[in-house]
Amino acid sequence: MTSSLRRLPRVPRPVLRWAGERVQRWSEASVQGSRRNAMVAATALTQRRVEAREVTDYLASLHGPAVASPHDAHGDAAHARR
């Protein structure tokens, strides 16, 4: 039985080490970038929630709580800390 696969040339260890380190650095940078993006998104979402709550509270102070706040149904923990 004859194999059609050819043997690949050997790669020197320093080249393999360099490639491995390069992949490791890329992986770490990718994870850090993902974490940073998630933190920015979470901060923006929190700010929007606070702003929405402030608007709801302001309108309720003008007109009374005639309509239930959508935040009340979800148990807005940020508002509960005020």
Protein backbone atom coordinates (compact mmCIF):
# COMPACT_ATOMS: atom_id res chain seq x y z
CA MET A 1 0.00 0.00 0.00
CA THR A 2 1.52 3.30 -1.13
CA SER A 3 0.77 6.53 0.68
CA SER A 4 0.24 9.67 -1.35
CA LEU A 5 1.25 11.88 1.55
CA ARG A 6 4.65 13.46 1.41
CA ARG A 7 6.68 14.17 4.47
CA LEU A 8 6.84 17.88 5.27
CA PRO A 9 10.21 19.49 5.93
CA ARG A 10 11.15 19.88 9.59
CA VAL A 11 10.64 23.30 11.11
CA PRO A 12 13.46 24.58 13.34
CA ARG A 13 12.57 24.86 17.03
CA PRO A 14 13.18 28.63 17.24
CA VAL A 15 10.63 29.17 14.48
CA LEU A 16 8.10 26.96 16.26
CA ARG A 17 8.75 28.76 19.55
CA TRP A 18 8.34 32.16 17.87
CA ALA A 19 5.08 31.07 16.22
CA GLY A 20 3.74 29.69 19.50
CA GLU A 21 4.57 32.90 21.36
CA ARG A 22 3.00 34.96 18.61
CA VAL A 23 -0.23 32.96 18.76
CA GLN A 24 -0.26 33.25 22.57
CA ARG A 25 0.15 37.05 22.43
CA TRP A 26 -2.60 37.32 19.82
CA SER A 27 -4.92 35.20 21.95
CA GLU A 28 -4.31 37.30 25.06
CA ALA A 29 -4.78 40.57 23.14
CA SER A 30 -8.01 39.25 21.64
CA VAL A 31 -9.42 38.34 25.06
CA GLN A 32 -8.41 41.72 26.50
CA GLY A 33 -10.11 43.50 23.61
CA SER A 34 -13.27 41.47 24.13
CA ARG A 35 -13.29 42.28 27.84
CA ARG A 36 -12.78 45.97 27.14
CA ASN A 37 -15.66 45.97 24.64
CA ALA A 38 -17.92 44.19 27.13
CA MET A 39 -17.09 46.72 29.85
CA VAL A 40 -17.82 49.65 27.53
CA ALA A 41 -21.14 48.09 26.51
CA ALA A 42 -22.11 47.38 30.13
CA THR A 43 -21.27 50.95 31.14
CA ALA A 44 -23.34 52.39 28.28
CA LEU A 45 -26.26 50.13 29.16
CA THR A 46 -26.09 51.15 32.82
CA GLN A 47 -26.06 54.83 31.86
CA ARG A 48 -29.11 54.36 29.64
CA ARG A 49 -30.96 52.56 32.43
CA VAL A 50 -30.17 55.35 34.89
CA GLU A 51 -31.29 58.00 32.39
CA ALA A 52 -34.52 56.11 31.66
CA ARG A 53 -35.19 55.79 35.39
CA GLU A 54 -34.56 59.51 35.93
CA VAL A 55 -36.99 60.40 33.13
CA THR A 56 -39.61 58.02 34.53
CA ASP A 57 -39.18 59.46 38.03
CA TYR A 58 -39.38 63.03 36.73
CA LEU A 59 -42.54 62.37 34.73
CA ALA A 60 -44.08 60.56 37.70
CA SER A 61 -43.32 63.57 39.91
CA LEU A 62 -45.15 65.84 37.45
CA HIS A 63 -48.17 63.69 36.72
CA GLY A 64 -48.22 61.11 39.46
CA PRO A 65 -47.60 57.40 38.94
CA ALA A 66 -50.64 56.89 36.67
CA VAL A 67 -48.78 54.34 34.58
CA ALA A 68 -46.56 51.71 36.16
CA SER A 69 -42.91 52.14 35.36
CA PRO A 70 -41.42 49.38 33.20
CA HIS A 71 -38.50 49.40 35.65
CA ASP A 72 -40.73 48.38 38.54
CA ALA A 73 -41.67 45.13 36.85
CA HIS A 74 -38.02 44.16 36.54
CA GLY A 75 -36.97 45.09 40.05
CA ASP A 76 -34.41 47.71 39.05
CA ALA A 77 -31.67 47.08 41.62
CA ALA A 78 -29.81 50.30 40.75
CA HIS A 79 -32.86 52.37 41.67
CA ALA A 80 -33.40 50.47 44.91
CA ARG A 81 -29.97 51.59 46.13
CA ARG A 82 -30.89 55.29 45.99
